[in-house]
Amino acid sequence: MEPALLPLIVIGLIVFSGIYTVRQQTVAIVERFGKFNGTAFPGLNFKIPFIDRVAARVNMRVQQLDVVVETKTLDDVFVDVKVSVQFQVMPDKVYEAYYKLTNIHDQVSAYVFDVVRARVPLLKLDDVFSKKEDIAMAVKHELHDTMDDFGYDILKALVTDIDPDDKVKHAMNEINAATRMRMAASEKGEADRILKVKAAEAEAQSKALEGQGIANQRKAIIEGLQQSVAEFQQSIHGATAQDVMMIVLLTQYFDTLKDIADRSQSNTIMLPNNPGGLSGFADQIREVMISANLISANPNDRIPANFAKQMDTIKQG
C-alpha cells in the first residue's frame, strides 16, 4: 500500500463512522460529550465522529404492559385482577420519556397496583365483574395524568381477567346451578299444571259434546216416535198412543233378537224376569202378531175389541 493512500483511508473511515441510520417507528437520542444534543428520526443521519454518539433508540410503537394485582373484595374474597395497559411515547416528548424515567414498566405497575387496591376492596365480588370497566377507566385516568409529564401517552387500560380462588369459583358455579335447577323445576311444574288444565278442559268439552249428542239423539227418537204415533193413529182409528208404544217396543225387541242372532260370538240370552213367564210371554206375542196381521188385512176397520186388552196384558206381563 502506498503511503499517500493511508491518510485518505483514515479520513474515509472517520467520515463513514459519522453516518448512521434509524429504523422506522424509532427515534435516536444523540448526545455530545454526554449531554443531550438532539433526536434523530428514521432514515440516514450524520453525527460528528468522536464527538457525538447515539445514546439510545426510543421505540415509538404502541406497547402493552400486563399487570396482575392480588387484592381482596368487600366480602373478603381474594382475587387476581389482570390489567393490560397500552401506552406510547409522545413524539414531542422523547427527551422526557428517556431521561425522566428509569423503567417505565415499574412505574406503570406501581400506579396500577395503587388504583386497583384502592377500588376493588370497596366492591363485592359480583360487582367487581360488573364494574370492571369503571376500574379500567380509573386506572387510565390516574396513569394519564401522571405519565403525561414523563412523555408517555396512556392509550387504553383494560381489565382482562378477574380470577377468584378455585373454591370460590366452584361455590359460585354450584349456586348458579342450584338457581337454574330451581327455575327449571318451577317451569316444569307450570308446564304440568297447564297440561292438566288443558286435559281437564278437553275432557269437559268432550263430555259436553257427548251429552249434546245424546240429547240430540233422544230428541230425534222422540220426534220419530211422535211422528210414528200420529201416522199409526191416522191409519187405525181408536188406537191410543200407549198401544202404539207397545207395538214399537215389541218391534225393538225382535230387532234386538235379530242382532244377537247375527253375531256368531254372542252369548247373550233374553228371558222374562221369572221362570214361569216364558210360555205366557210367547203366547202374548203370538196373539199380538195375529191381531197385527188382521189390522194389516183390513186397514179401514177399527181395532178388534180384544186388541187393547191384549196390549194391556203384555204391559202387565
Protein backbone atom coordinates (compact mmCIF):
# COMPACT_ATOMS: atom_id res chain seq x y z
CA MET A 1 0.00 0.00 0.00
CA GLU A 2 1.32 3.42 -1.00
CA PRO A 3 1.90 5.89 1.87
CA ALA A 4 -0.16 8.60 0.11
CA LEU A 5 -3.33 6.48 0.30
CA LEU A 6 -3.19 5.94 4.05
CA PRO A 7 -4.46 9.41 5.06
CA LEU A 8 -7.34 9.10 2.60
CA ILE A 9 -8.33 5.78 4.06
CA VAL A 10 -8.28 7.16 7.59
CA ILE A 11 -10.35 10.18 6.59
CA GLY A 12 -12.82 7.88 4.83
CA LEU A 13 -13.22 5.71 7.92
CA ILE A 14 -13.75 8.76 10.10
CA VAL A 15 -16.41 10.14 7.77
CA PHE A 16 -18.11 6.75 7.47
CA SER A 17 -18.25 6.37 11.27
CA GLY A 18 -20.32 9.52 11.43
CA ILE A 19 -23.06 8.06 9.22
CA TYR A 20 -25.83 6.03 10.86
CA THR A 21 -29.45 5.00 10.17
CA VAL A 22 -32.57 4.99 12.31
CA ARG A 23 -35.32 2.42 11.75
CA GLN A 24 -38.97 3.24 11.21
CA GLN A 25 -41.05 3.95 14.34
CA THR A 26 -37.83 4.67 16.25
CA VAL A 27 -36.17 7.90 17.45
CA ALA A 28 -32.45 8.04 18.27
CA ILE A 29 -31.14 10.07 21.22
CA VAL A 30 -27.90 11.87 20.22
CA GLU A 31 -25.51 13.15 22.93
CA ARG A 32 -22.48 15.39 22.59
CA PHE A 33 -19.87 14.91 25.27
CA GLY A 34 -22.53 13.23 27.44
CA LYS A 35 -25.08 15.99 27.05
CA PHE A 36 -28.35 15.69 25.15
CA ASN A 37 -27.80 17.22 21.73
CA GLY A 38 -30.95 16.26 19.81
CA THR A 39 -33.01 13.47 18.28
CA ALA A 40 -32.57 11.64 15.01
CA PHE A 41 -35.57 10.40 13.09
CA PRO A 42 -35.98 7.39 10.77
CA GLY A 43 -33.67 7.36 7.77
CA LEU A 44 -29.99 8.28 7.09
CA ASN A 45 -28.40 10.59 9.65
CA PHE A 46 -24.95 12.07 10.33
CA LYS A 47 -23.08 12.80 13.57
CA ILE A 48 -19.70 14.27 14.31
CA PRO A 49 -17.27 11.40 14.81
CA PHE A 50 -15.70 11.11 18.26
CA ILE A 51 -17.86 14.00 19.50
CA ASP A 52 -21.45 12.88 19.04
CA ARG A 53 -22.81 9.48 19.91
CA VAL A 54 -26.16 7.69 19.72
CA ALA A 55 -27.05 7.20 23.39
CA ALA A 56 -30.26 5.21 22.85
CA ARG A 57 -33.02 4.39 20.45
CA VAL A 58 -36.55 5.01 21.71
CA ASN A 59 -39.36 2.77 20.47
CA MET A 60 -42.30 4.86 19.22
CA ARG A 61 -44.68 1.97 18.71
CA VAL A 62 -47.63 1.17 20.98
CA GLN A 63 -46.56 -1.07 23.83
CA GLN A 64 -48.58 -3.15 26.27
CA LEU A 65 -47.86 -4.00 29.87
CA ASP A 66 -49.83 -6.73 31.71
CA VAL A 67 -50.04 -6.30 35.46
CA VAL A 68 -51.60 -8.92 37.79
CA VAL A 69 -52.78 -7.49 41.10
CA GLU A 70 -53.82 -9.65 44.04
CA THR A 71 -56.38 -7.90 46.22
CA LYS A 72 -59.42 -8.51 48.42
CA THR A 73 -63.05 -7.62 47.76
CA LEU A 74 -65.58 -6.12 50.18
CA ASP A 75 -66.94 -9.61 51.00
CA ASP A 76 -63.44 -10.88 51.89
CA VAL A 77 -62.72 -12.82 48.69
CA PHE A 78 -59.18 -12.72 47.35
CA VAL A 79 -58.98 -12.23 43.59
CA ASP A 80 -56.26 -11.76 40.99
CA VAL A 81 -57.08 -8.82 38.74
CA LYS A 82 -55.18 -8.65 35.46
CA VAL A 83 -54.90 -5.16 33.97
CA SER A 84 -53.46 -4.52 30.49
CA VAL A 85 -52.11 -1.01 29.90
CA GLN A 86 -51.37 0.22 26.37
CA PHE A 87 -49.01 3.20 26.15
CA GLN A 88 -46.84 5.07 23.65
CA VAL A 89 -44.03 7.62 23.73
CA MET A 90 -45.24 11.08 22.68
CA PRO A 91 -43.26 12.32 19.63
CA ASP A 92 -42.72 15.78 21.10
CA LYS A 93 -41.61 14.46 24.49
CA VAL A 94 -38.94 11.95 23.62
CA TYR A 95 -36.48 13.75 25.90
CA GLU A 96 -38.76 13.35 28.95
CA ALA A 97 -39.54 9.72 28.11
CA TYR A 98 -35.86 8.80 28.05
CA TYR A 99 -34.30 10.95 30.74
CA LYS A 100 -37.04 11.26 33.38
CA LEU A 101 -37.95 7.58 33.87
CA THR A 102 -35.54 4.78 34.55
CA ASN A 103 -38.04 1.96 34.00
CA ILE A 104 -41.46 2.72 32.53
CA HIS A 105 -42.78 -0.77 33.36
CA ASP A 106 -42.08 -0.48 37.08
CA GLN A 107 -43.62 2.98 37.19
CA VAL A 108 -46.84 1.91 35.43
CA SER A 109 -47.13 -1.25 37.55
CA ALA A 110 -46.89 0.79 40.76
CA TYR A 111 -49.75 3.06 39.71
CA VAL A 112 -51.88 0.11 38.59
CA PHE A 113 -51.39 -1.62 41.96
CA ASP A 114 -52.31 1.57 43.77
CA VAL A 115 -55.54 2.17 41.83
CA VAL A 116 -56.76 -1.44 41.82
CA ARG A 117 -56.12 -1.98 45.53
CA ALA A 118 -57.97 1.25 46.28
CA ARG A 119 -61.08 0.44 44.17
CA VAL A 120 -61.63 -3.33 44.42
CA PRO A 121 -61.88 -3.53 48.27
CA LEU A 122 -64.90 -1.21 48.02
CA LEU A 123 -66.82 -3.67 45.82
CA LYS A 124 -68.31 -7.11 46.33
CA LEU A 125 -67.16 -9.96 44.14
CA ASP A 126 -70.17 -9.81 41.83
CA ASP A 127 -69.77 -6.05 41.48
CA VAL A 128 -66.12 -6.44 40.54
CA PHE A 129 -67.19 -8.39 37.44
CA SER A 130 -69.97 -5.97 36.54
CA LYS A 131 -67.92 -2.81 37.18
CA LYS A 132 -64.60 -3.80 35.67
CA GLU A 133 -64.97 -1.01 33.10
CA ASP A 134 -65.06 1.53 35.94
CA ILE A 135 -61.85 0.06 37.36
CA ALA A 136 -60.20 0.25 33.95
CA MET A 137 -61.25 3.89 33.49
CA ALA A 138 -59.89 4.78 36.93
CA VAL A 139 -56.54 3.19 36.05
CA LYS A 140 -56.37 5.06 32.75
CA HIS A 141 -57.19 8.46 34.27
CA GLU A 142 -54.67 8.03 37.07
CA LEU A 143 -51.90 6.97 34.69
CA HIS A 144 -52.75 9.56 32.05
CA ASP A 145 -52.44 12.48 34.44
CA THR A 146 -49.16 11.20 35.84
CA MET A 147 -47.38 9.71 32.82
CA ASP A 148 -48.06 12.73 30.62
CA ASP A 149 -45.29 14.58 32.49
CA PHE A 150 -42.91 11.74 31.66
CA GLY A 151 -43.60 11.83 27.94
CA TYR A 152 -45.89 8.78 27.76
CA ASP A 153 -49.44 8.74 26.43
CA ILE A 154 -51.75 6.15 28.05
CA LEU A 155 -53.96 4.93 25.20
CA LYS A 156 -56.05 2.27 26.92
CA ALA A 157 -56.40 0.38 30.18
CA LEU A 158 -58.29 -2.92 30.18
CA VAL A 159 -59.26 -5.30 32.96
CA THR A 160 -58.77 -8.51 31.01
CA ASP A 161 -59.20 -11.09 33.76
CA ILE A 162 -60.69 -11.46 37.25
CA ASP A 163 -59.68 -14.75 38.82
CA PRO A 164 -61.03 -15.66 42.28
CA ASP A 165 -59.86 -18.65 44.26
CA ASP A 166 -60.81 -22.05 42.83
CA LYS A 167 -63.02 -22.85 45.84
CA VAL A 168 -64.88 -19.58 45.40
CA LYS A 169 -65.43 -20.26 41.70
CA HIS A 170 -66.70 -23.76 42.50
CA ALA A 171 -69.13 -22.36 45.08
CA MET A 172 -70.35 -19.73 42.62
CA ASN A 173 -70.94 -22.42 40.00
CA GLU A 174 -72.91 -24.50 42.48
CA ILE A 175 -75.07 -21.51 43.42
CA ASN A 176 -75.72 -20.79 39.76
CA ALA A 177 -76.54 -24.45 39.06
CA ALA A 178 -78.94 -24.61 42.02
CA THR A 179 -80.68 -21.43 40.87
CA ARG A 180 -81.11 -22.77 37.36
CA MET A 181 -82.39 -26.12 38.66
CA ARG A 182 -84.95 -24.30 40.80
CA MET A 183 -86.07 -22.29 37.78
CA ALA A 184 -86.27 -25.48 35.68
CA ALA A 185 -88.37 -27.21 38.35
CA SER A 186 -90.68 -24.21 38.53
CA GLU A 187 -91.09 -24.14 34.76
CA LYS A 188 -91.68 -27.90 34.65
CA GLY A 189 -94.36 -27.63 37.36
CA GLU A 190 -96.04 -24.81 35.46
CA ALA A 191 -95.95 -26.88 32.27
CA ASP A 192 -97.50 -29.89 34.07
CA ARG A 193 -100.21 -27.66 35.50
CA ILE A 194 -101.03 -26.28 32.06
CA LEU A 195 -101.18 -29.81 30.61
CA LYS A 196 -103.56 -30.96 33.35
CA VAL A 197 -105.76 -27.88 32.94
CA LYS A 198 -105.89 -28.34 29.18
CA ALA A 199 -106.64 -32.04 29.58
CA ALA A 200 -109.46 -31.26 32.02
CA GLU A 201 -110.83 -28.62 29.68
CA ALA A 202 -110.68 -31.05 26.76
CA GLU A 203 -112.41 -33.76 28.77
CA ALA A 204 -115.11 -31.33 29.91
CA GLN A 205 -115.64 -30.19 26.33
CA SER A 206 -115.75 -33.81 25.16
CA LYS A 207 -118.34 -34.69 27.84
CA ALA A 208 -120.40 -31.65 26.90
CA LEU A 209 -120.34 -32.60 23.21
CA GLU A 210 -121.14 -36.22 24.09
CA GLY A 211 -124.09 -35.11 26.23
CA GLN A 212 -125.27 -32.80 23.48
CA GLY A 213 -125.06 -35.68 21.01
CA ILE A 214 -127.06 -37.96 23.30
CA ALA A 215 -129.62 -35.22 23.84
CA ASN A 216 -129.94 -34.68 20.10
CA GLN A 217 -130.26 -38.42 19.58
CA ARG A 218 -133.03 -38.72 22.15
CA LYS A 219 -134.73 -35.69 20.71
CA ALA A 220 -134.66 -37.28 17.25
CA ILE A 221 -136.02 -40.55 18.68
CA ILE A 222 -138.84 -38.72 20.44
CA GLU A 223 -139.70 -36.78 17.30
CA GLY A 224 -139.66 -40.02 15.28
CA LEU A 225 -141.88 -41.76 17.82
CA GLN A 226 -144.28 -38.82 17.85
CA GLN A 227 -144.50 -38.97 14.08
CA SER A 228 -144.99 -42.75 14.13
CA VAL A 229 -147.75 -42.49 16.73
CA ALA A 230 -149.52 -39.80 14.73
CA GLU A 231 -149.33 -41.82 11.50
CA PHE A 232 -150.44 -45.01 13.26
CA GLN A 233 -153.43 -43.24 14.83
CA GLN A 234 -154.40 -41.82 11.46
CA SER A 235 -154.27 -45.28 9.85
CA ILE A 236 -156.00 -47.19 12.65
CA HIS A 237 -158.90 -45.44 14.29
CA GLY A 238 -159.29 -45.89 18.00
CA ALA A 239 -155.59 -46.75 18.66
CA THR A 240 -154.09 -44.90 21.60
CA ALA A 241 -150.53 -43.65 21.95
CA GLN A 242 -149.90 -46.24 24.60
CA ASP A 243 -150.93 -49.03 22.25
CA VAL A 244 -148.59 -47.72 19.59
CA MET A 245 -145.68 -47.59 22.05
CA MET A 246 -146.22 -51.21 22.92
CA ILE A 247 -146.01 -52.13 19.24
CA VAL A 248 -142.78 -50.12 18.94
CA LEU A 249 -141.28 -51.82 21.97
CA LEU A 250 -142.23 -55.21 20.52
CA THR A 251 -140.54 -54.30 17.22
CA GLN A 252 -137.38 -53.22 19.03
CA TYR A 253 -137.45 -56.48 20.95
CA PHE A 254 -137.45 -58.54 17.73
CA ASP A 255 -134.74 -56.32 16.21
CA THR A 256 -132.58 -56.93 19.25
CA LEU A 257 -133.05 -60.70 18.94
CA LYS A 258 -132.10 -60.47 15.28
CA ASP A 259 -128.91 -58.55 16.06
CA ILE A 260 -127.95 -61.06 18.71
CA ALA A 261 -128.56 -63.96 16.32
CA ASP A 262 -126.37 -62.35 13.64
CA ARG A 263 -123.37 -62.31 15.97
CA SER A 264 -121.63 -65.67 15.99
CA GLN A 265 -119.67 -64.93 19.17
CA SER A 266 -122.66 -63.61 21.12
CA ASN A 267 -123.57 -65.33 24.39
CA THR A 268 -126.49 -63.07 25.37
CA ILE A 269 -129.90 -64.66 26.13
CA MET A 270 -133.00 -62.55 26.77
CA LEU A 271 -135.55 -64.20 29.10
CA PRO A 272 -138.58 -62.98 31.10
CA ASN A 273 -137.89 -61.80 34.60
CA ASN A 274 -139.42 -65.03 36.10
CA PRO A 275 -139.03 -68.68 35.08
CA GLY A 276 -142.74 -69.36 34.71
CA GLY A 277 -143.46 -66.42 32.50
CA LEU A 278 -141.65 -67.65 29.38
CA SER A 279 -144.61 -69.61 27.88
CA GLY A 280 -147.06 -66.88 28.75
CA PHE A 281 -144.84 -64.26 27.16
CA ALA A 282 -144.67 -66.34 23.93
CA ASP A 283 -148.49 -66.70 23.84
CA GLN A 284 -148.89 -62.97 24.30
CA ILE A 285 -146.53 -62.17 21.43
CA ARG A 286 -148.36 -64.69 19.18
CA GLU A 287 -151.78 -63.11 19.88
CA VAL A 288 -150.40 -59.61 19.24
CA MET A 289 -148.90 -60.71 15.92
CA ILE A 290 -152.26 -62.27 14.86
CA SER A 291 -154.04 -59.07 15.75
CA ALA A 292 -151.49 -57.01 13.85
CA ASN A 293 -151.97 -59.18 10.76
CA LEU A 294 -155.72 -58.73 10.95
CA ILE A 295 -155.27 -54.97 11.13
CA SER A 296 -152.95 -55.05 8.11
CA ALA A 297 -155.51 -57.08 6.13
CA ASN A 298 -158.37 -54.64 6.94
CA PRO A 299 -156.76 -51.18 7.41
CA ASN A 300 -160.12 -49.41 7.33
CA ASP A 301 -161.56 -51.45 10.17
CA ARG A 302 -161.30 -50.40 13.75
CA ILE A 303 -159.06 -52.24 16.17
CA PRO A 304 -160.60 -55.51 17.43
CA ALA A 305 -162.15 -55.28 20.78
CA ASN A 306 -159.62 -57.59 22.38
CA PHE A 307 -156.56 -55.74 20.90
CA ALA A 308 -156.36 -53.16 23.67
CA LYS A 309 -156.87 -55.93 26.22
CA GLN A 310 -154.01 -57.94 24.72
CA MET A 311 -151.75 -54.87 24.80
CA ASP A 312 -152.59 -54.32 28.48
CA THR A 313 -151.79 -57.96 29.17
CA ILE A 314 -148.36 -57.58 27.51
CA LYS A 315 -147.66 -54.47 29.57
CA GLN A 316 -148.60 -56.21 32.78
CA GLY A 317 -146.52 -59.25 31.88
